[in-house]
């Protein structure tokens, strides 16, 4: 089929989801891409979904990478940060350690591995359907987002509350960032799908 030669989208953006195991990253992604909810088993390595999404009059193709939260897979993830225009940091509002690990582990990892200076970050508090089990307040999320310069939203993959808004707000912010826009429009088919580690790139081990 020849249809692939004609662009079906205005921009291609790479988004990355990070956070502890069990916070609901895969469920959020499934909820957004298929409008269904499942309790999924932990992701091994990395999973990946594509979503065509129209926002602000622009047709977008989103390549969304869902990384494993477990420690033993952590080393696999450094190359997946490369070229991401948006990073979604997810925690579970009913488990405090998943929130504290964002600053102790994930924010540091983003600083270390993210290659786009203007990369848009979105902090997401998931599982608000379990309000009676909540241990992380909305104000704490807002304060964290302010400190780290992130967007912030609370949502529930289970009830789909704010799931689409989460991705929509992130993408609108990317569309509003000229350097990311330039990257998402031309010639970016550079291995966004077939990610492979760079040939002996010494810079990956050090922070710039």
Foldseek 3Di string as FASTA:
>chain_A
DPVVVDDPFQFEAEEEEAFAWPLCQVLLVCCQAPVAGDRDDFDDAKDWDWHFDAAPNGTYIYIYIYGGRDPVNVVSCLLLLERHQEYEYEGEQLDVVRVVCCVVPVLVSCQQRHPDPNRAYEYEHEDCVVVVSGDHDPVNQVVVCVVSVHHYDYYYSHVGGCSNVRVRVNVVVLVVDVVSSVCGGPDVVVCNPPGDDDDPDVSSVGRD
